[in-house]
Amino acid sequence: MKLSICTDVMGNLSFTDMLDKCVELGVEGIEMTGGGWSRAPHFRADELLEDKGLLKTKLKEIEARGLEIAALNCSANPLDPGEMGKRHRKEMEQTIRLAGEIGVKTIVTMSGLPEAAPGDSVPNWLVYTKSWPDEMPERDRYQWEDRAFPLWHDLVKLAREVGVERYALENFSAMLVWNPETLFRLRNEVGPAVGMNLDPSHLFWKGADPIAAARALGNAIHHCHGKDTRIERGLADVNGLLELKDVTDVANRTWNYVAVGAGHDLQWWKEFFSVVRMVGYNGWVSLEMEDFTMSTEAGIQCSIDALQATISR
């Protein structure tokens, strides 16, 4: 496995300064964000598709520093029933086309989340029982069969046309695909081009075991994020893990995203990467830094040190 970093965390830096920082950190690759919710300026798909000279210049700068593009990332909700969904789908498609043009084989993204019934105006994450109330089975069927399956058949077809080999869907909350079971529900319908971006941080707060999840996923692991979560002692015992407080309210949340090693020790991370490698994944591990309990610089450096010490080479 090789270490990369998701460049969103350096969105305040210029493209050149961001690349120089990656070299300084000792990573081998960069996961470039190209649209969706990200506003990082470094590698916007729409801009680079229109300006081939700029694209060529940026690729030369990356190559000159000995870095590789690990994946293009477009974290988005293309199934949102409003205008955002239309924009996100367009930006996802632009990111896919850009990846095909420059030979990047992996798109890191999200499954999307639609409304629960025709005419609804907002996405609806249905994470309670499908059997009650009586209308729930139809809502579940509608979200998957009428909304998600057609979109992903189209996206798989587009990937095939432009030469992209795999989608890595992050197991993020408030998405149709948020764990291995939901990933296989989509994958069984649209094919093996769709796999998971295995991000342990989200599974931790859902009460799942990322090591067990890796075993269950096997060759459906298409990318891996190095990101940790700490369940906060005392608070989680009282209020549970369905945390609605702002991510910056770290002292009062029942769980927090933290630097790698600040939630689970290095022995845990060694076992995790060993199992991920054992089941067949030998690709990129990309640091995604969202620790608000310390400075960004400290969080990045702590995480890089931990990942370099635990990744299975």
C-alpha atoms as a PDB file:
ATOM      1  CA  MET A   1       0.000   0.000   0.000  1.00  0.00           C
ATOM      2  CA  LYS A   2       1.064   3.592  -0.571  1.00  0.00           C
ATOM      3  CA  LEU A   3       0.236   6.734   1.399  1.00  0.00           C
ATOM      4  CA  SER A   4      -1.648   9.669  -0.107  1.00  0.00           C
ATOM      5  CA  ILE A   5      -3.522  12.644   1.288  1.00  0.00           C
ATOM      6  CA  CYS A   6      -6.906  14.118   0.436  1.00  0.00           C
ATOM      7  CA  THR A   7      -6.052  17.682  -0.573  1.00  0.00           C
ATOM      8  CA  ASP A   8      -9.191  19.283   0.895  1.00  0.00           C
ATOM      9  CA  VAL A   9      -7.344  19.838   4.162  1.00  0.00           C
ATOM     10  CA  MET A  10      -4.947  22.166   2.317  1.00  0.00           C
ATOM     11  CA  GLY A  11      -7.638  24.139   0.510  1.00  0.00           C
ATOM     12  CA  ASN A  12      -6.163  27.387   1.861  1.00  0.00           C
ATOM     13  CA  LEU A  13      -2.878  26.830   0.019  1.00  0.00           C
ATOM     14  CA  SER A  14      -2.068  27.563  -3.598  1.00  0.00           C
ATOM     15  CA  PHE A  15      -1.646  24.592  -5.926  1.00  0.00           C
ATOM     16  CA  THR A  16       2.144  24.879  -5.869  1.00  0.00           C
ATOM     17  CA  ASP A  17       2.328  25.313  -2.089  1.00  0.00           C
ATOM     18  CA  MET A  18      -0.016  22.373  -1.604  1.00  0.00           C
ATOM     19  CA  LEU A  19       2.218  20.117  -3.711  1.00  0.00           C
ATOM     20  CA  ASP A  20       5.334  21.278  -1.882  1.00  0.00           C
ATOM     21  CA  LYS A  21       3.634  20.535   1.435  1.00  0.00           C
ATOM     22  CA  CYS A  22       2.821  17.002   0.252  1.00  0.00           C
ATOM     23  CA  VAL A  23       6.484  16.432  -0.590  1.00  0.00           C
ATOM     24  CA  GLU A  24       7.491  17.803   2.811  1.00  0.00           C
ATOM     25  CA  LEU A  25       5.057  15.410   4.522  1.00  0.00           C
ATOM     26  CA  GLY A  26       6.532  12.437   2.697  1.00  0.00           C
ATOM     27  CA  VAL A  27       3.358  11.183   1.022  1.00  0.00           C
ATOM     28  CA  GLU A  28       3.578   9.490  -2.352  1.00  0.00           C
ATOM     29  CA  GLY A  29       0.207  10.463  -3.788  1.00  0.00           C
ATOM     30  CA  ILE A  30      -2.599  12.980  -3.745  1.00  0.00           C
ATOM     31  CA  GLU A  31      -6.342  12.417  -3.758  1.00  0.00           C
ATOM     32  CA  MET A  32      -7.522  15.453  -5.689  1.00  0.00           C
ATOM     33  CA  THR A  33     -10.992  16.866  -5.120  1.00  0.00           C
ATOM     34  CA  GLY A  34     -12.784  18.014  -8.244  1.00  0.00           C
ATOM     35  CA  GLY A  35     -16.283  19.131  -7.272  1.00  0.00           C
ATOM     36  CA  GLY A  36     -19.324  18.347  -5.153  1.00  0.00           C
ATOM     37  CA  TRP A  37     -19.227  19.674  -1.610  1.00  0.00           C
ATOM     38  CA  SER A  38     -15.503  20.411  -1.798  1.00  0.00           C
ATOM     39  CA  ARG A  39     -14.482  23.962  -2.538  1.00  0.00           C
ATOM     40  CA  ALA A  40     -10.745  23.234  -2.640  1.00  0.00           C
ATOM     41  CA  PRO A  41      -9.371  25.170  -5.623  1.00  0.00           C
ATOM     42  CA  HIS A  42      -6.559  22.902  -6.765  1.00  0.00           C
ATOM     43  CA  PHE A  43      -8.061  20.570  -9.375  1.00  0.00           C
ATOM     44  CA  ARG A  44     -11.537  21.665 -10.429  1.00  0.00           C
ATOM     45  CA  ALA A  45     -12.847  19.296 -13.071  1.00  0.00           C
ATOM     46  CA  ASP A  46     -14.937  21.857 -14.968  1.00  0.00           C
ATOM     47  CA  GLU A  47     -12.037  24.285 -15.177  1.00  0.00           C
ATOM     48  CA  LEU A  48      -9.494  21.717 -16.321  1.00  0.00           C
ATOM     49  CA  LEU A  49     -11.752  20.164 -18.952  1.00  0.00           C
ATOM     50  CA  GLU A  50     -12.110  23.594 -20.548  1.00  0.00           C
ATOM     51  CA  ASP A  51      -8.466  24.667 -20.237  1.00  0.00           C
ATOM     52  CA  LYS A  52      -6.193  21.889 -21.497  1.00  0.00           C
ATOM     53  CA  GLY A  53      -3.134  24.113 -21.166  1.00  0.00           C
ATOM     54  CA  LEU A  54      -3.786  24.596 -17.466  1.00  0.00           C
ATOM     55  CA  LEU A  55      -4.372  20.862 -17.059  1.00  0.00           C
ATOM     56  CA  LYS A  56      -1.054  20.072 -18.741  1.00  0.00           C
ATOM     57  CA  THR A  57       0.761  22.563 -16.510  1.00  0.00           C
ATOM     58  CA  LYS A  58      -0.704  21.115 -13.331  1.00  0.00           C
ATOM     59  CA  LEU A  59       0.102  17.554 -14.340  1.00  0.00           C
ATOM     60  CA  LYS A  60       3.700  18.571 -15.031  1.00  0.00           C
ATOM     61  CA  GLU A  61       3.972  20.158 -11.582  1.00  0.00           C
ATOM     62  CA  ILE A  62       2.694  16.971  -9.961  1.00  0.00           C
ATOM     63  CA  GLU A  63       5.086  14.787 -11.951  1.00  0.00           C
ATOM     64  CA  ALA A  64       8.050  17.069 -11.286  1.00  0.00           C
ATOM     65  CA  ARG A  65       7.684  16.420  -7.561  1.00  0.00           C
ATOM     66  CA  GLY A  66       7.504  12.659  -7.928  1.00  0.00           C
ATOM     67  CA  LEU A  67       3.867  12.546  -6.819  1.00  0.00           C
ATOM     68  CA  GLU A  68       1.038  10.463  -8.275  1.00  0.00           C
ATOM     69  CA  ILE A  69      -2.692  11.137  -8.413  1.00  0.00           C
ATOM     70  CA  ALA A  70      -4.144   8.395  -6.236  1.00  0.00           C
ATOM     71  CA  ALA A  71      -7.748   9.157  -7.178  1.00  0.00           C
ATOM     72  CA  LEU A  72     -10.087  11.966  -8.100  1.00  0.00           C
ATOM     73  CA  ASN A  73     -12.624  12.753  -5.402  1.00  0.00           C
ATOM     74  CA  CYS A  74     -16.083  14.208  -5.903  1.00  0.00           C
ATOM     75  CA  SER A  75     -17.965  13.816  -2.627  1.00  0.00           C
ATOM     76  CA  ALA A  76     -21.509  14.725  -3.561  1.00  0.00           C
ATOM     77  CA  ASN A  77     -25.190  13.850  -3.525  1.00  0.00           C
ATOM     78  CA  PRO A  78     -26.258  13.371  -7.154  1.00  0.00           C
ATOM     79  CA  LEU A  79     -29.632  12.009  -5.968  1.00  0.00           C
ATOM     80  CA  ASP A  80     -30.725  15.142  -4.118  1.00  0.00           C
ATOM     81  CA  PRO A  81     -34.131  16.093  -5.607  1.00  0.00           C
ATOM     82  CA  GLY A  82     -33.286  19.801  -5.765  1.00  0.00           C
ATOM     83  CA  GLU A  83     -30.928  21.974  -7.758  1.00  0.00           C
ATOM     84  CA  MET A  84     -27.964  20.746  -5.733  1.00  0.00           C
ATOM     85  CA  GLY A  85     -28.530  17.226  -7.025  1.00  0.00           C
ATOM     86  CA  LYS A  86     -28.412  18.439 -10.628  1.00  0.00           C
ATOM     87  CA  ARG A  87     -25.187  20.355  -9.977  1.00  0.00           C
ATOM     88  CA  HIS A  88     -23.586  17.480  -8.116  1.00  0.00           C
ATOM     89  CA  ARG A  89     -24.411  14.977 -10.837  1.00  0.00           C
ATOM     90  CA  LYS A  90     -22.935  17.281 -13.460  1.00  0.00           C
ATOM     91  CA  GLU A  91     -19.765  17.757 -11.408  1.00  0.00           C
ATOM     92  CA  MET A  92     -19.479  14.006 -10.797  1.00  0.00           C
ATOM     93  CA  GLU A  93     -19.709  13.368 -14.516  1.00  0.00           C
ATOM     94  CA  GLN A  94     -17.114  16.065 -15.199  1.00  0.00           C
ATOM     95  CA  THR A  95     -14.793  14.478 -12.635  1.00  0.00           C
ATOM     96  CA  ILE A  96     -15.242  11.075 -14.287  1.00  0.00           C
ATOM     97  CA  ARG A  97     -14.492  12.488 -17.726  1.00  0.00           C
ATOM     98  CA  LEU A  98     -11.421  14.296 -16.408  1.00  0.00           C
ATOM     99  CA  ALA A  99     -10.171  11.078 -14.807  1.00  0.00           C
ATOM    100  CA  GLY A 100     -10.585   9.267 -18.098  1.00  0.00           C
ATOM    101  CA  GLU A 101      -8.676  11.970 -19.926  1.00  0.00           C
ATOM    102  CA  ILE A 102      -5.640  11.823 -17.610  1.00  0.00           C
ATOM    103  CA  GLY A 103      -5.623   8.082 -16.966  1.00  0.00           C
ATOM    104  CA  VAL A 104      -6.813   8.044 -13.348  1.00  0.00           C
ATOM    105  CA  LYS A 105      -8.687   4.798 -12.729  1.00  0.00           C
ATOM    106  CA  THR A 106     -10.445   5.469  -9.391  1.00  0.00           C
ATOM    107  CA  ILE A 107     -13.224   7.897  -8.497  1.00  0.00           C
ATOM    108  CA  VAL A 108     -13.863   8.419  -4.779  1.00  0.00           C
ATOM    109  CA  THR A 109     -17.427   9.571  -4.274  1.00  0.00           C
ATOM    110  CA  MET A 110     -20.707   8.816  -2.506  1.00  0.00           C
ATOM    111  CA  SER A 111     -23.768   6.855  -3.505  1.00  0.00           C
ATOM    112  CA  GLY A 112     -26.144   9.772  -3.051  1.00  0.00           C
ATOM    113  CA  LEU A 113     -29.383   9.936  -1.110  1.00  0.00           C
ATOM    114  CA  PRO A 114     -32.772  10.675  -2.718  1.00  0.00           C
ATOM    115  CA  GLU A 115     -36.131  11.770  -1.399  1.00  0.00           C
ATOM    116  CA  ALA A 116     -38.400   9.091   0.122  1.00  0.00           C
ATOM    117  CA  ALA A 117     -41.321   9.535  -2.304  1.00  0.00           C
ATOM    118  CA  PRO A 118     -42.086  11.318  -5.585  1.00  0.00           C
ATOM    119  CA  GLY A 119     -42.602  15.029  -5.001  1.00  0.00           C
ATOM    120  CA  ASP A 120     -40.549  15.254  -1.803  1.00  0.00           C
ATOM    121  CA  SER A 121     -38.120  18.162  -1.802  1.00  0.00           C
ATOM    122  CA  VAL A 122     -35.359  16.941   0.508  1.00  0.00           C
ATOM    123  CA  PRO A 123     -33.273  13.742   0.843  1.00  0.00           C
ATOM    124  CA  ASN A 124     -34.470  11.274   3.480  1.00  0.00           C
ATOM    125  CA  TRP A 125     -32.114   8.821   5.223  1.00  0.00           C
ATOM    126  CA  LEU A 126     -34.321   5.853   6.093  1.00  0.00           C
ATOM    127  CA  VAL A 127     -32.389   4.074   8.822  1.00  0.00           C
ATOM    128  CA  TYR A 128     -35.274   2.660  10.833  1.00  0.00           C
ATOM    129  CA  THR A 129     -37.178  -0.541  10.171  1.00  0.00           C
ATOM    130  CA  LYS A 130     -38.507  -1.224   6.672  1.00  0.00           C
ATOM    131  CA  SER A 131     -41.470  -3.173   8.014  1.00  0.00           C
ATOM    132  CA  TRP A 132     -43.269  -0.430   9.966  1.00  0.00           C
ATOM    133  CA  PRO A 133     -45.079   1.860   9.400  1.00  0.00           C
ATOM    134  CA  ASP A 134     -46.803   0.229   6.450  1.00  0.00           C
ATOM    135  CA  GLU A 135     -45.538   2.741   3.894  1.00  0.00           C
ATOM    136  CA  MET A 136     -41.860   2.016   4.633  1.00  0.00           C
ATOM    137  CA  PRO A 137     -41.300  -0.878   2.176  1.00  0.00           C
ATOM    138  CA  GLU A 138     -42.474   1.276  -0.729  1.00  0.00           C
ATOM    139  CA  ARG A 139     -40.270   4.168   0.344  1.00  0.00           C
ATOM    140  CA  ASP A 140     -37.279   1.846   0.486  1.00  0.00           C
ATOM    141  CA  ARG A 141     -38.102   0.327  -2.909  1.00  0.00           C
ATOM    142  CA  TYR A 142     -38.575   3.755  -4.470  1.00  0.00           C
ATOM    143  CA  GLN A 143     -35.223   5.081  -3.262  1.00  0.00           C
ATOM    144  CA  TRP A 144     -33.265   2.122  -4.573  1.00  0.00           C
ATOM    145  CA  GLU A 145     -35.128   0.877  -7.640  1.00  0.00           C
ATOM    146  CA  ASP A 146     -36.567   4.102  -9.044  1.00  0.00           C
ATOM    147  CA  ARG A 147     -33.778   6.499  -8.105  1.00  0.00           C
ATOM    148  CA  ALA A 148     -30.433   4.926  -7.228  1.00  0.00           C
ATOM    149  CA  PHE A 149     -30.236   1.996  -9.629  1.00  0.00           C
ATOM    150  CA  PRO A 150     -30.877   4.030 -12.811  1.00  0.00           C
ATOM    151  CA  LEU A 151     -28.299   6.661 -11.815  1.00  0.00           C
ATOM    152  CA  TRP A 152     -25.609   4.119 -11.077  1.00  0.00           C
ATOM    153  CA  HIS A 153     -26.241   2.111 -14.226  1.00  0.00           C
ATOM    154  CA  ASP A 154     -25.625   5.363 -16.120  1.00  0.00           C
ATOM    155  CA  LEU A 155     -22.469   6.195 -14.136  1.00  0.00           C
ATOM    156  CA  VAL A 156     -21.030   2.715 -14.596  1.00  0.00           C
ATOM    157  CA  LYS A 157     -21.676   3.022 -18.342  1.00  0.00           C
ATOM    158  CA  LEU A 158     -19.952   6.430 -18.423  1.00  0.00           C
ATOM    159  CA  ALA A 159     -16.940   5.071 -16.538  1.00  0.00           C
ATOM    160  CA  ARG A 160     -16.611   2.231 -19.016  1.00  0.00           C
ATOM    161  CA  GLU A 161     -16.771   4.651 -21.956  1.00  0.00           C
ATOM    162  CA  VAL A 162     -13.994   6.922 -20.666  1.00  0.00           C
ATOM    163  CA  GLY A 163     -11.689   4.275 -19.178  1.00  0.00           C
ATOM    164  CA  VAL A 164     -12.349   4.695 -15.451  1.00  0.00           C
ATOM    165  CA  GLU A 165     -12.226   1.286 -13.788  1.00  0.00           C
ATOM    166  CA  ARG A 166     -13.713   1.705 -10.336  1.00  0.00           C
ATOM    167  CA  TYR A 167     -15.922   3.799  -8.103  1.00  0.00           C
ATOM    168  CA  ALA A 168     -15.041   3.858  -4.411  1.00  0.00           C
ATOM    169  CA  LEU A 169     -18.148   4.858  -2.456  1.00  0.00           C
ATOM    170  CA  GLU A 170     -17.417   6.258   0.992  1.00  0.00           C
ATOM    171  CA  ASN A 171     -19.383   4.573   3.783  1.00  0.00           C
ATOM    172  CA  PHE A 172     -20.592   7.973   4.946  1.00  0.00           C
ATOM    173  CA  SER A 173     -23.777   8.610   6.910  1.00  0.00           C
ATOM    174  CA  ALA A 174     -26.879  10.057   5.225  1.00  0.00           C
ATOM    175  CA  MET A 175     -26.160   8.109   2.027  1.00  0.00           C
ATOM    176  CA  LEU A 176     -27.901   5.041   0.616  1.00  0.00           C
ATOM    177  CA  VAL A 177     -24.573   3.209   0.760  1.00  0.00           C
ATOM    178  CA  TRP A 178     -23.238   3.549   4.304  1.00  0.00           C
ATOM    179  CA  ASN A 179     -21.971   0.074   5.232  1.00  0.00           C
ATOM    180  CA  PRO A 180     -20.952  -3.193   3.511  1.00  0.00           C
ATOM    181  CA  GLU A 181     -24.523  -4.525   3.299  1.00  0.00           C
ATOM    182  CA  THR A 182     -25.824  -1.465   1.468  1.00  0.00           C
ATOM    183  CA  LEU A 183     -22.734  -1.435  -0.753  1.00  0.00           C
ATOM    184  CA  PHE A 184     -23.475  -4.987  -1.899  1.00  0.00           C
ATOM    185  CA  ARG A 185     -27.109  -4.095  -2.524  1.00  0.00           C
ATOM    186  CA  LEU A 186     -25.961  -1.561  -5.113  1.00  0.00           C
ATOM    187  CA  ARG A 187     -23.000  -3.586  -6.402  1.00  0.00           C
ATOM    188  CA  ASN A 188     -25.142  -6.666  -7.015  1.00  0.00           C
ATOM    189  CA  GLU A 189     -27.384  -4.560  -9.233  1.00  0.00           C
ATOM    190  CA  VAL A 190     -24.869  -2.502 -11.228  1.00  0.00           C
ATOM    191  CA  GLY A 191     -21.729  -4.627 -11.175  1.00  0.00           C
ATOM    192  CA  PRO A 192     -18.224  -4.818  -9.694  1.00  0.00           C
ATOM    193  CA  ALA A 193     -17.117  -1.404 -10.944  1.00  0.00           C
ATOM    194  CA  VAL A 194     -18.810  -0.127  -7.782  1.00  0.00           C
ATOM    195  CA  GLY A 195     -16.938  -0.831  -4.550  1.00  0.00           C
ATOM    196  CA  MET A 196     -16.244   0.841  -1.242  1.00  0.00           C
ATOM    197  CA  ASN A 197     -13.935   3.568  -0.084  1.00  0.00           C
ATOM    198  CA  LEU A 198     -13.384   1.881   3.276  1.00  0.00           C
ATOM    199  CA  ASP A 199     -13.282   4.675   5.862  1.00  0.00           C
ATOM    200  CA  PRO A 200     -12.967   3.274   9.404  1.00  0.00           C
ATOM    201  CA  SER A 201     -13.945   6.561  11.043  1.00  0.00           C
ATOM    202  CA  HIS A 202     -17.601   6.322  10.029  1.00  0.00           C
ATOM    203  CA  LEU A 203     -17.932   2.664  10.963  1.00  0.00           C
ATOM    204  CA  PHE A 204     -16.583   3.317  14.469  1.00  0.00           C
ATOM    205  CA  TRP A 205     -19.377   5.687  15.469  1.00  0.00           C
ATOM    206  CA  LYS A 206     -21.999   3.426  13.898  1.00  0.00           C
ATOM    207  CA  GLY A 207     -20.920   0.663  16.266  1.00  0.00           C
ATOM    208  CA  ALA A 208     -19.330  -1.503  13.554  1.00  0.00           C
ATOM    209  CA  ASP A 209     -15.893  -3.125  13.495  1.00  0.00           C
ATOM    210  CA  PRO A 210     -13.893  -1.914  10.462  1.00  0.00           C
ATOM    211  CA  ILE A 211     -11.677  -5.002  10.570  1.00  0.00           C
ATOM    212  CA  ALA A 212     -14.698  -7.289  10.305  1.00  0.00           C
ATOM    213  CA  ALA A 213     -16.064  -5.001   7.585  1.00  0.00           C
ATOM    214  CA  ALA A 214     -12.827  -5.358   5.612  1.00  0.00           C
ATOM    215  CA  ARG A 215     -13.102  -9.148   5.753  1.00  0.00           C
ATOM    216  CA  ALA A 216     -16.713  -8.979   4.543  1.00  0.00           C
ATOM    217  CA  LEU A 217     -15.867  -6.606   1.686  1.00  0.00           C
ATOM    218  CA  GLY A 218     -12.896  -8.496   0.268  1.00  0.00           C
ATOM    219  CA  ASN A 219     -12.283  -7.431  -3.328  1.00  0.00           C
ATOM    220  CA  ALA A 220     -15.061  -4.854  -3.069  1.00  0.00           C
ATOM    221  CA  ILE A 221     -12.554  -2.535  -1.329  1.00  0.00           C
ATOM    222  CA  HIS A 222     -11.649  -0.021  -4.035  1.00  0.00           C
ATOM    223  CA  HIS A 223      -9.929   2.653  -1.911  1.00  0.00           C
ATOM    224  CA  CYS A 224      -9.113   3.259   1.724  1.00  0.00           C
ATOM    225  CA  HIS A 225      -9.185   6.375   3.897  1.00  0.00           C
ATOM    226  CA  GLY A 226      -6.928   6.683   6.908  1.00  0.00           C
ATOM    227  CA  LYS A 227      -9.155   8.453   9.408  1.00  0.00           C
ATOM    228  CA  ASP A 228      -9.905   7.787  13.078  1.00  0.00           C
ATOM    229  CA  THR A 229     -12.804   8.386  15.475  1.00  0.00           C
ATOM    230  CA  ARG A 230     -12.784   8.594  19.253  1.00  0.00           C
ATOM    231  CA  ILE A 231     -15.889   7.632  21.219  1.00  0.00           C
ATOM    232  CA  GLU A 232     -15.921  10.125  24.089  1.00  0.00           C
ATOM    233  CA  ARG A 233     -16.052   8.427  27.473  1.00  0.00           C
ATOM    234  CA  GLY A 234     -19.020   9.262  29.642  1.00  0.00           C
ATOM    235  CA  LEU A 235     -20.896  11.302  27.049  1.00  0.00           C
ATOM    236  CA  ALA A 236     -21.613   8.412  24.686  1.00  0.00           C
ATOM    237  CA  ASP A 237     -22.794   6.266  27.582  1.00  0.00           C
ATOM    238  CA  VAL A 238     -25.504   8.816  28.353  1.00  0.00           C
ATOM    239  CA  ASN A 239     -26.614  10.058  24.947  1.00  0.00           C
ATOM    240  CA  GLY A 240     -25.647   7.322  22.495  1.00  0.00           C
ATOM    241  CA  LEU A 241     -23.907   7.805  19.180  1.00  0.00           C
ATOM    242  CA  LEU A 242     -26.499   9.606  17.038  1.00  0.00           C
ATOM    243  CA  GLU A 243     -24.647  12.899  17.433  1.00  0.00           C
ATOM    244  CA  LEU A 244     -26.228  16.079  16.023  1.00  0.00           C
ATOM    245  CA  LYS A 245     -23.914  18.727  17.499  1.00  0.00           C
ATOM    246  CA  ASP A 246     -21.620  20.733  15.250  1.00  0.00           C
ATOM    247  CA  VAL A 247     -18.312  18.982  14.519  1.00  0.00           C
ATOM    248  CA  THR A 248     -16.458  21.924  16.078  1.00  0.00           C
ATOM    249  CA  ASP A 249     -18.243  21.453  19.444  1.00  0.00           C
ATOM    250  CA  VAL A 250     -15.682  18.811  20.331  1.00  0.00           C
ATOM    251  CA  ALA A 251     -15.945  19.033  24.123  1.00  0.00           C
ATOM    252  CA  ASN A 252     -19.642  18.174  24.132  1.00  0.00           C
ATOM    253  CA  ARG A 253     -19.949  15.605  21.351  1.00  0.00           C
ATOM    254  CA  THR A 254     -20.317  11.897  22.090  1.00  0.00           C
ATOM    255  CA  TRP A 255     -17.736  11.129  19.384  1.00  0.00           C
ATOM    256  CA  ASN A 256     -15.193  13.083  17.359  1.00  0.00           C
ATOM    257  CA  TYR A 257     -13.167  12.560  14.222  1.00  0.00           C
ATOM    258  CA  VAL A 258      -9.548  12.615  15.393  1.00  0.00           C
ATOM    259  CA  ALA A 259      -6.022  12.218  14.080  1.00  0.00           C
ATOM    260  CA  VAL A 260      -5.025   8.644  13.320  1.00  0.00           C
ATOM    261  CA  GLY A 261      -3.910   7.069  16.591  1.00  0.00           C
ATOM    262  CA  ALA A 262      -5.859   9.465  18.814  1.00  0.00           C
ATOM    263  CA  GLY A 263      -8.907   7.206  18.783  1.00  0.00           C
ATOM    264  CA  HIS A 264      -7.413   3.723  18.298  1.00  0.00           C
ATOM    265  CA  ASP A 265      -3.837   2.725  19.041  1.00  0.00           C
ATOM    266  CA  LEU A 266      -1.240   1.736  16.486  1.00  0.00           C
ATOM    267  CA  GLN A 267      -1.699  -1.963  17.197  1.00  0.00           C
ATOM    268  CA  TRP A 268      -5.321  -1.637  16.038  1.00  0.00           C
ATOM    269  CA  TRP A 269      -4.233   0.157  12.864  1.00  0.00           C
ATOM    270  CA  LYS A 270      -1.560  -2.468  12.134  1.00  0.00           C
ATOM    271  CA  GLU A 271      -4.181  -5.200  12.358  1.00  0.00           C
ATOM    272  CA  PHE A 272      -6.612  -3.224  10.205  1.00  0.00           C
ATOM    273  CA  PHE A 273      -4.136  -2.688   7.368  1.00  0.00           C
ATOM    274  CA  SER A 274      -2.882  -6.260   7.660  1.00  0.00           C
ATOM    275  CA  VAL A 275      -6.414  -7.587   7.165  1.00  0.00           C
ATOM    276  CA  VAL A 276      -7.161  -5.116   4.352  1.00  0.00           C
ATOM    277  CA  ARG A 277      -3.999  -6.302   2.591  1.00  0.00           C
ATOM    278  CA  MET A 278      -4.812  -9.945   3.347  1.00  0.00           C
ATOM    279  CA  VAL A 279      -8.217  -9.757   1.645  1.00  0.00           C
ATOM    280  CA  GLY A 280      -6.615  -8.414  -1.516  1.00  0.00           C
ATOM    281  CA  TYR A 281      -6.419  -4.619  -1.366  1.00  0.00           C
ATOM    282  CA  ASN A 282      -2.969  -3.266  -2.169  1.00  0.00           C
ATOM    283  CA  GLY A 283      -3.799   0.264  -3.296  1.00  0.00           C
ATOM    284  CA  TRP A 284      -3.717   3.740  -1.810  1.00  0.00           C
ATOM    285  CA  VAL A 285      -4.417   4.721   1.780  1.00  0.00           C
ATOM    286  CA  SER A 286      -5.427   8.354   1.777  1.00  0.00           C
ATOM    287  CA  LEU A 287      -5.303  10.539   4.881  1.00  0.00           C
ATOM    288  CA  GLU A 288      -8.475  12.547   5.379  1.00  0.00           C
ATOM    289  CA  MET A 289      -7.917  15.008   8.221  1.00  0.00           C
ATOM    290  CA  GLU A 290     -10.946  16.365  10.097  1.00  0.00           C
ATOM    291  CA  ASP A 291      -9.656  16.590  13.675  1.00  0.00           C
ATOM    292  CA  PHE A 292     -10.964  19.730  15.404  1.00  0.00           C
ATOM    293  CA  THR A 293      -9.444  18.800  18.767  1.00  0.00           C
ATOM    294  CA  MET A 294      -5.985  20.037  17.702  1.00  0.00           C
ATOM    295  CA  SER A 295      -4.409  22.276  15.091  1.00  0.00           C
ATOM    296  CA  THR A 296      -4.588  21.174  11.465  1.00  0.00           C
ATOM    297  CA  GLU A 297      -0.794  21.001  11.223  1.00  0.00           C
ATOM    298  CA  ALA A 298      -0.520  18.820  14.333  1.00  0.00           C
ATOM    299  CA  GLY A 299      -3.347  16.569  13.191  1.00  0.00           C
ATOM    300  CA  ILE A 300      -1.803  16.028   9.772  1.00  0.00           C
ATOM    301  CA  GLN A 301       1.644  15.271  11.161  1.00  0.00           C
ATOM    302  CA  CYS A 302       0.336  12.912  13.875  1.00  0.00           C
ATOM    303  CA  SER A 303      -1.731  11.056  11.302  1.00  0.00           C
ATOM    304  CA  ILE A 304       1.096  10.808   8.755  1.00  0.00           C
ATOM    305  CA  ASP A 305       3.429   9.416  11.440  1.00  0.00           C
ATOM    306  CA  ALA A 306       0.828   6.839  12.519  1.00  0.00           C
ATOM    307  CA  LEU A 307      -0.040   5.749   8.994  1.00  0.00           C
ATOM    308  CA  GLN A 308       3.583   5.434   7.916  1.00  0.00           C
ATOM    309  CA  ALA A 309       4.178   3.216  10.951  1.00  0.00           C
ATOM    310  CA  THR A 310       1.209   0.915  10.312  1.00  0.00           C
ATOM    311  CA  ILE A 311       0.478   0.608   6.584  1.00  0.00           C
ATOM    312  CA  SER A 312       1.200  -2.830   5.166  1.00  0.00           C
ATOM    313  CA  ARG A 313       3.815  -2.410   2.426  1.00  0.00           C
END
